[in-house]
Each structure stands twice: as structure tokens, then as C-alpha cells.
Protein backbone atom coordinates (compact mmCIF):
# COMPACT_ATOMS: atom_id res chain seq x y z
CA MET A 1 -8.81 14.73 2.24
CA LYS A 2 -5.70 15.72 4.17
CA VAL A 3 -2.35 13.94 4.14
CA SER A 4 -2.69 13.50 7.91
CA GLU A 5 -5.56 11.08 7.21
CA LEU A 6 -3.23 8.63 5.45
CA THR A 7 -2.06 5.59 7.36
CA THR A 8 1.38 4.07 6.86
CA SER A 9 -0.31 0.92 5.55
CA GLU A 10 -1.42 2.89 2.46
CA TYR A 11 2.09 3.23 1.00
CA SER A 12 5.44 1.48 1.24
CA ASN A 13 8.18 2.71 3.52
CA PHE A 14 10.21 3.47 0.35
CA PHE A 15 7.83 6.39 -0.32
CA SER A 16 8.02 7.85 3.20
CA THR A 17 10.50 10.45 1.92
CA TYR A 18 7.78 11.93 -0.29
CA ILE A 19 5.02 11.79 2.32
CA ASP A 20 7.28 13.23 5.03
CA VAL A 21 7.85 16.49 3.09
CA LEU A 22 4.11 17.16 3.23
CA LYS A 23 2.64 19.09 6.12
CA ASN A 24 -1.15 19.05 6.16
CA GLU A 25 -1.79 19.29 2.45
CA ASP A 26 -5.25 18.82 1.02
CA LEU A 27 -5.11 16.38 -1.89
CA ILE A 28 -7.08 18.28 -4.55
CA GLU A 29 -6.11 21.77 -3.45
CA ASP A 30 -2.41 20.97 -3.28
CA LEU A 31 -2.29 19.10 -6.56
CA GLU A 32 -3.20 22.46 -8.06
CA ILE A 33 -1.27 24.81 -5.76
CA SER A 34 1.96 22.82 -5.83
CA LEU A 35 2.03 22.97 -9.63
CA HIS A 36 1.79 26.76 -9.64
CA GLN A 37 4.42 27.05 -6.89
CA PHE A 38 6.77 24.75 -8.80
CA ILE A 39 6.40 26.60 -12.10
CA LYS A 40 7.02 29.94 -10.41
CA PHE A 41 10.07 28.46 -8.66
CA VAL A 42 11.50 27.03 -11.90
CA GLN A 43 10.89 30.25 -13.82
CA ASN A 44 13.11 32.05 -11.29
CA ILE A 45 16.05 29.71 -11.90
CA SER A 46 18.87 31.17 -13.97
CA MET A 47 18.82 29.90 -17.57
CA ASP A 48 22.40 28.61 -17.28
CA LYS A 49 21.32 26.15 -14.56
CA PHE A 50 18.84 24.10 -16.62
CA ASP A 51 21.58 22.00 -18.26
CA PHE A 52 23.84 21.92 -15.17
CA ARG A 53 24.81 18.64 -13.49
CA TYR A 54 26.11 18.97 -9.93
CA ALA A 55 28.13 15.76 -10.35
CA GLU A 56 29.09 13.26 -13.05
CA GLY A 57 26.12 11.12 -14.07
CA LYS A 58 23.55 13.24 -12.22
CA TRP A 59 20.44 14.54 -13.93
CA THR A 60 19.98 18.09 -15.14
CA ILE A 61 17.01 20.20 -14.07
CA LYS A 62 15.44 19.45 -17.46
CA ASP A 63 15.95 15.71 -16.86
CA ILE A 64 14.28 16.02 -13.47
CA ILE A 65 11.29 17.90 -14.86
CA GLN A 66 10.86 15.16 -17.48
CA HIS A 67 11.19 12.61 -14.66
CA LEU A 68 8.41 14.40 -12.75
CA ILE A 69 6.21 14.28 -15.86
CA ASP A 70 6.86 10.57 -16.43
CA THR A 71 6.39 9.64 -12.78
CA GLU A 72 3.13 11.57 -12.50
CA ARG A 73 1.81 9.75 -15.57
CA VAL A 74 2.74 6.39 -14.05
CA PHE A 75 1.28 7.23 -10.62
CA SER A 76 -1.95 8.59 -12.17
CA TYR A 77 -2.30 5.47 -14.29
CA ARG A 78 -1.86 3.34 -11.19
CA ALA A 79 -4.45 5.44 -9.33
CA MET A 80 -6.96 5.05 -12.17
CA ARG A 81 -6.47 1.27 -12.36
CA ILE A 82 -6.73 0.79 -8.59
CA SER A 83 -9.75 3.13 -8.33
CA ARG A 84 -11.55 0.95 -10.86
CA ASN A 85 -10.95 -2.01 -8.55
CA ASP A 86 -8.41 -3.58 -10.89
CA GLN A 87 -6.62 -6.12 -8.70
CA THR A 88 -3.79 -6.73 -11.17
CA SER A 89 -0.37 -6.23 -9.63
CA LEU A 90 1.08 -3.24 -11.47
CA ALA A 91 4.69 -3.33 -12.60
CA GLY A 92 7.35 -0.97 -11.38
CA PHE A 93 9.49 1.18 -13.63
CA ASP A 94 13.14 2.15 -13.68
CA GLU A 95 13.34 5.93 -13.56
CA ASN A 96 16.97 5.84 -14.73
CA ASP A 97 15.98 4.00 -17.91
CA TYR A 98 13.15 6.45 -18.48
CA VAL A 99 15.45 9.48 -18.18
CA ALA A 100 18.11 7.85 -20.38
CA ASN A 101 15.50 7.38 -23.09
CA THR A 102 14.21 10.93 -23.28
CA ASP A 103 15.70 13.94 -24.95
CA ALA A 104 14.78 16.39 -22.22
CA ASN A 105 17.99 18.38 -22.51
CA SER A 106 17.26 19.35 -26.11
CA ARG A 107 13.88 20.76 -25.10
CA ASN A 108 13.22 24.28 -23.90
CA ILE A 109 12.13 24.82 -20.33
CA GLN A 110 8.80 26.39 -21.28
CA GLY A 111 7.86 23.29 -23.29
CA LEU A 112 8.68 21.03 -20.37
CA LEU A 113 6.67 23.20 -17.95
CA ALA A 114 3.73 23.30 -20.38
CA GLU A 115 3.77 19.50 -20.59
CA LEU A 116 3.98 19.21 -16.80
CA SER A 117 0.97 21.54 -16.54
CA ALA A 118 -1.03 19.49 -19.05
CA VAL A 119 -0.26 16.28 -17.18
CA ARG A 120 -1.16 17.88 -13.84
CA PHE A 121 -4.49 19.17 -15.14
CA SER A 122 -5.28 15.67 -16.34
CA THR A 123 -4.27 14.33 -12.91
CA LEU A 124 -6.51 16.91 -11.22
CA PHE A 125 -9.54 15.93 -13.29
CA LEU A 126 -8.85 12.27 -12.55
CA PHE A 127 -8.57 12.76 -8.78
CA LYS A 128 -11.60 15.08 -8.70
CA SER A 129 -13.61 12.28 -10.32
CA PHE A 130 -12.86 9.76 -7.55
CA THR A 131 -15.39 9.04 -4.83
CA ASP A 132 -14.22 8.67 -1.24
CA GLU A 133 -14.55 4.91 -1.67
CA GLN A 134 -12.37 4.94 -4.77
CA LEU A 135 -9.74 7.12 -3.07
CA SER A 136 -9.45 4.60 -0.24
CA ARG A 137 -9.10 1.54 -2.50
CA MET A 138 -5.89 -0.42 -2.18
CA GLY A 139 -3.90 -2.11 -4.90
CA VAL A 140 -0.42 -3.41 -5.57
CA ALA A 141 2.22 -1.50 -7.55
CA SER A 142 5.92 -2.36 -7.63
CA ASP A 143 5.11 -5.32 -5.37
CA GLN A 144 3.88 -2.95 -2.62
CA SER A 145 0.41 -2.08 -1.34
CA VAL A 146 -0.74 1.45 -2.11
CA SER A 147 -4.00 3.39 -1.92
CA VAL A 148 -5.36 5.69 -4.60
CA ARG A 149 -5.20 8.67 -2.27
CA ALA A 150 -1.60 7.87 -1.28
CA LEU A 151 -0.67 7.96 -4.97
CA GLY A 152 -2.09 11.48 -5.19
CA PHE A 153 -0.07 12.63 -2.21
CA LEU A 154 3.01 10.89 -3.60
CA ILE A 155 2.71 13.00 -6.75
CA ILE A 156 2.76 16.17 -4.64
CA GLY A 157 5.52 14.96 -2.31
CA HIS A 158 7.69 13.69 -5.17
CA GLN A 159 7.55 17.10 -6.83
CA LYS A 160 8.38 18.90 -3.55
CA HIS A 161 11.24 16.47 -2.90
CA HIS A 162 12.83 17.35 -6.23
CA GLN A 163 12.22 21.06 -5.70
CA HIS A 164 14.25 20.76 -2.48
CA ILE A 165 17.01 19.01 -4.44
CA PHE A 166 17.01 21.92 -6.93
CA GLN A 167 17.48 24.34 -4.03
CA ASP A 168 20.20 22.30 -2.33
CA ARG A 169 22.27 21.13 -5.28
CA TYR A 170 21.57 23.24 -8.33
CA MET A 171 21.35 26.79 -7.05
């Protein structure tokens, strides 16, 4: 399934930023490829940048990697629930509270990347298990309609969005 097959009714306008950074990605293929590209990118960042904040109150690169991990877990959980035809409205989450309640900056970068990899492999197995019907199922998360397949593309787009921020503001 390609991102071009998504309709705007499958995700809220709030998430357009993440979908718009995608070109014609294939869901399963790019869940895997984007992880490898991101890890390679991060491993080429100077060690002195991982704890850098480009402005007061902004997150470090380590904070952002932890944020990517947490967000992927939340989005995958939502995808699993919706794919199983769970019609419960799923709660939102405050990413600022999540980051404030981690200790990402005391961790080493390799540990964070290893955790991101483990989460992504779990996400890959989950999305590979979905039928076409399950991928197209719609549910409600954060008071907005979303499809299972849109959640998969949001994971990829969210990661790419933050990679662009690394390039623009941290390097």
C-alpha cells in the first residue's frame, strides 16, 4: 500500500505535516527502510550534539529519539486496537509530559537507537499481520478519525519530520 492511496478522511488535518513529508512510500517497505536511514543519519551526528538544545526549553536529540519511541508505541497500539475493530475512542497523550517524565538525556545514544529498532521491528510485525480490510479500518483517537494504514504512515512521516528538524536546527 502506497501513501498516495490514503484519503484525507483517514487522518486529521493536524497530521498533514507528517503525511506531506512522504512522497510515494510503501507502508511496509518504508517502515523498515526509514528506520535504517534514520539510524545511519543519527550515527553521523557529532557526539557533542546529542545533549544540545537550540533554544531554552527545547528538546535535545536524545529527548526527540525517546519521543519517537513513545509516539510509535502509542500509534502502534492505536493501530492494533482499531484493526481489531475496537470502536472505543482512544485517548490522546501529551508529548511534553511524556518527554518531561523520561530520563533520555542520561542514556547513551546506542541504547536509544537499539530501543527504537526493537519498537520498529515490533511495529513491522504488527503491520505485516494486518489484512487489507484491517488496514482500512477506521477508529477514533484523540477525538479524530484515523485509519490503521494512516497510523503506519504517520509513524514514518513523524520520524522524517523530526529528522528534518535535526538537520535544520541541531546541525
